Protein backbone atom coordinates (compact mmCIF):
# COMPACT_ATOMS: atom_id res chain seq x y z
CA MET A 1 0.41 5.93 -16.97
CA TYR A 2 -3.04 6.01 -15.60
CA SER A 3 -5.12 3.29 -13.93
CA GLY A 4 -7.60 3.53 -16.77
CA GLU A 5 -4.91 2.14 -19.13
CA LEU A 6 -4.75 -1.15 -17.13
CA LEU A 7 -5.88 -4.15 -19.10
CA GLU A 8 -8.34 -6.85 -17.89
CA ASN A 9 -5.44 -9.51 -17.69
CA GLU A 10 -3.32 -7.16 -15.41
CA TYR A 11 -5.18 -7.96 -12.19
CA SER A 12 -7.82 -9.98 -10.64
CA GLY A 13 -9.14 -11.15 -7.28
CA GLY A 14 -8.97 -9.09 -4.13
CA PHE A 15 -6.63 -6.52 -5.95
CA THR A 16 -9.69 -5.15 -7.72
CA THR A 17 -10.98 -3.35 -4.71
CA TYR A 18 -7.70 -1.44 -4.12
CA ILE A 19 -7.21 -0.44 -7.83
CA ARG A 20 -10.80 0.88 -7.85
CA GLU A 21 -10.01 2.70 -4.50
CA ALA A 22 -6.96 4.41 -6.11
CA GLY A 23 -9.18 5.90 -8.64
CA ALA A 24 -8.43 7.41 -12.17
CA VAL A 25 -5.04 8.85 -11.44
CA ASN A 26 -1.43 9.07 -12.75
CA LEU A 27 0.49 6.34 -10.97
CA ILE A 28 3.71 8.42 -10.47
CA GLU A 29 2.00 11.57 -9.43
CA GLU A 30 -0.44 9.78 -7.26
CA LEU A 31 2.28 7.77 -5.32
CA GLU A 32 3.65 11.12 -4.22
CA ILE A 33 0.42 13.05 -3.86
CA SER A 34 -1.23 10.44 -1.75
CA LEU A 35 1.75 10.08 0.62
CA HIS A 36 1.58 13.88 1.38
CA ASP A 37 -2.14 13.72 1.73
CA PHE A 38 -1.94 10.80 4.05
CA ILE A 39 0.68 12.40 6.30
CA LYS A 40 -1.03 15.60 6.61
CA PHE A 41 -4.37 13.74 7.44
CA VAL A 42 -2.44 11.54 10.18
CA GLN A 43 -0.92 14.74 11.62
CA ASN A 44 -4.39 16.15 12.31
CA ILE A 45 -5.57 13.18 14.26
CA PRO A 46 -5.80 14.01 17.85
CA MET A 47 -3.02 12.47 19.87
CA ASP A 48 -5.19 10.35 22.13
CA LYS A 49 -6.72 8.61 19.06
CA PHE A 50 -3.53 6.83 17.97
CA ASP A 51 -3.63 3.97 20.55
CA TYR A 52 -7.70 3.89 20.31
CA ARG A 53 -9.41 0.64 19.23
CA TYR A 54 -13.00 0.90 18.23
CA ALA A 55 -13.90 -2.70 19.21
CA GLU A 56 -12.02 -5.47 20.89
CA GLY A 57 -9.37 -7.15 18.79
CA LYS A 58 -9.14 -4.44 16.34
CA TRP A 59 -6.07 -2.61 15.30
CA THR A 60 -4.99 0.86 16.61
CA ILE A 61 -4.25 3.62 14.16
CA LYS A 62 -0.59 3.01 14.91
CA ASP A 63 -0.99 -0.47 14.00
CA ILE A 64 -2.77 0.19 10.69
CA ILE A 65 0.02 2.60 9.71
CA GLN A 66 2.47 0.06 10.31
CA HIS A 67 0.25 -2.53 8.41
CA ILE A 68 0.36 -0.02 5.49
CA ILE A 69 4.24 0.27 5.58
CA ASP A 70 4.56 -3.56 5.72
CA THR A 71 1.97 -4.09 3.01
CA GLU A 72 3.65 -1.51 0.64
CA ARG A 73 6.82 -3.23 1.10
CA ILE A 74 5.40 -6.55 0.20
CA PHE A 75 3.57 -5.19 -2.81
CA ALA A 76 6.87 -3.46 -3.98
CA TYR A 77 8.85 -6.48 -3.48
CA ARG A 78 6.36 -8.43 -5.73
CA ALA A 79 6.72 -5.63 -8.25
CA LEU A 80 10.43 -5.84 -8.25
CA ARG A 81 10.30 -9.53 -8.90
CA PHE A 82 7.80 -9.30 -11.71
CA ALA A 83 9.65 -6.30 -13.16
CA ARG A 84 12.73 -8.39 -13.35
CA PHE A 85 10.63 -11.08 -15.19
CA ASP A 86 10.80 -13.48 -12.32
CA LYS A 87 7.83 -16.02 -13.01
CA THR A 88 7.90 -17.60 -9.47
CA PRO A 89 4.47 -17.41 -8.09
CA LEU A 90 4.47 -15.48 -4.89
CA GLN A 91 2.59 -16.49 -1.67
CA SER A 92 0.27 -14.43 0.34
CA PHE A 93 0.96 -13.21 3.80
CA GLU A 94 -0.83 -13.27 7.07
CA GLU A 95 -1.29 -9.45 7.97
CA ASN A 96 -2.52 -10.32 11.53
CA ASP A 97 0.78 -12.07 12.32
CA TYR A 98 2.68 -9.19 10.93
CA ALA A 99 0.64 -6.74 13.13
CA ALA A 100 1.09 -8.84 16.34
CA ASN A 101 4.90 -8.69 15.81
CA ALA A 102 5.57 -5.25 14.49
CA ASN A 103 5.59 -3.26 18.01
CA ALA A 104 3.53 -0.42 16.42
CA ALA A 105 2.49 0.64 19.93
CA GLY A 106 6.11 1.10 20.94
CA ARG A 107 6.56 3.54 18.11
CA SER A 108 5.87 7.24 17.81
CA ILE A 109 3.66 8.62 15.18
CA GLN A 110 6.56 10.55 13.86
CA GLU A 111 8.70 7.50 13.44
CA LEU A 112 5.83 5.58 11.63
CA LEU A 113 5.36 8.65 9.20
CA THR A 114 9.04 9.02 8.55
CA GLU A 115 9.21 5.32 7.74
CA LEU A 116 6.33 5.37 5.49
CA SER A 117 7.84 8.29 3.76
CA ALA A 118 11.04 6.51 3.24
CA VAL A 119 9.47 3.30 1.93
CA ARG A 120 7.26 5.40 -0.63
CA HIS A 121 10.11 7.63 -1.71
CA ALA A 122 12.18 4.46 -2.58
CA ASN A 123 9.16 3.02 -4.28
CA LEU A 124 8.64 6.17 -6.40
CA LEU A 125 12.12 6.02 -7.47
CA PHE A 126 11.81 2.33 -8.42
CA TYR A 127 8.48 2.99 -10.35
CA LYS A 128 10.27 5.96 -12.11
CA SER A 129 13.04 3.69 -13.32
CA LEU A 130 10.87 1.21 -15.07
CA SER A 131 10.48 0.77 -18.72
CA GLU A 132 7.12 0.35 -20.28
CA ASN A 133 7.73 -3.57 -20.89
CA GLN A 134 8.77 -3.80 -17.16
CA LEU A 135 5.47 -1.87 -15.91
CA LYS A 136 3.44 -4.31 -17.94
CA ALA A 137 5.07 -7.37 -16.65
CA ILE A 138 2.79 -9.71 -15.09
CA GLY A 139 3.28 -12.25 -12.30
CA THR A 140 1.44 -14.32 -9.99
CA ALA A 141 0.81 -13.35 -6.27
CA SER A 142 -1.62 -14.67 -3.78
CA ASN A 143 -2.89 -17.05 -6.51
CA ASN A 144 -3.82 -13.99 -8.71
CA GLN A 145 -2.30 -12.53 -11.77
CA ILE A 146 -1.02 -8.81 -11.41
CA SER A 147 1.11 -6.47 -13.40
CA VAL A 148 3.69 -4.41 -11.91
CA ARG A 149 1.88 -1.12 -12.73
CA ALA A 150 -1.23 -2.53 -11.30
CA LEU A 151 0.65 -3.51 -7.99
CA GLY A 152 1.59 0.52 -7.97
CA PHE A 153 -2.22 1.24 -8.01
CA VAL A 154 -2.71 -1.36 -5.46
CA ILE A 155 -0.37 0.58 -3.06
CA ILE A 156 -2.27 3.68 -3.47
CA GLY A 157 -5.60 2.12 -2.99
CA HIS A 158 -4.56 0.24 -0.17
CA GLN A 159 -3.45 3.45 1.72
CA LYS A 160 -6.85 5.28 0.60
CA HIS A 161 -8.84 2.39 1.86
CA HIS A 162 -7.23 2.68 5.30
CA GLN A 163 -7.57 6.44 5.55
CA LYS A 164 -11.22 5.97 4.79
CA VAL A 165 -11.43 3.33 7.64
CA PHE A 166 -9.79 6.07 10.09
CA GLN A 167 -12.42 8.61 9.10
CA GLU A 168 -15.24 6.11 9.50
CA ARG A 169 -14.45 4.16 12.60
CA TYR A 170 -11.61 5.92 14.48
CA LEU A 171 -12.54 9.73 14.39
């Protein structure tokens, strides 16, 4: 399944930015490829940059990697609920509260990348297990409609967005 196959009713609101960021890709392939690309990219960042903040109050690279992990878990949880045809609207989450309580500074880059890899591999297996009907299931998250497959592209686009932020503001 490709991002270009998404229908207009499958996503809205702030999700649009991340789906566009994912690009015209195959969901299953890109979930795997983008993980490897991101890990390789992070491993080439100089060690002294991981705790760097480009401005007061901004997150470090470690904070952002932890944010990517937390957010992917949340998006995957939403996808699981919707794939099981749970129609309960799901609330948004306060990313700054998560970052403030995640202890990313106390973790090594290797720990963070290992966790990201584990989360992504679990989500890759989840997405591979879904039927076409489950992939097209739509639910409500953060007051916006979104399908299970659109959430997969959001996971990819969110990661790519932050990789660009690293390049533009941290390196």
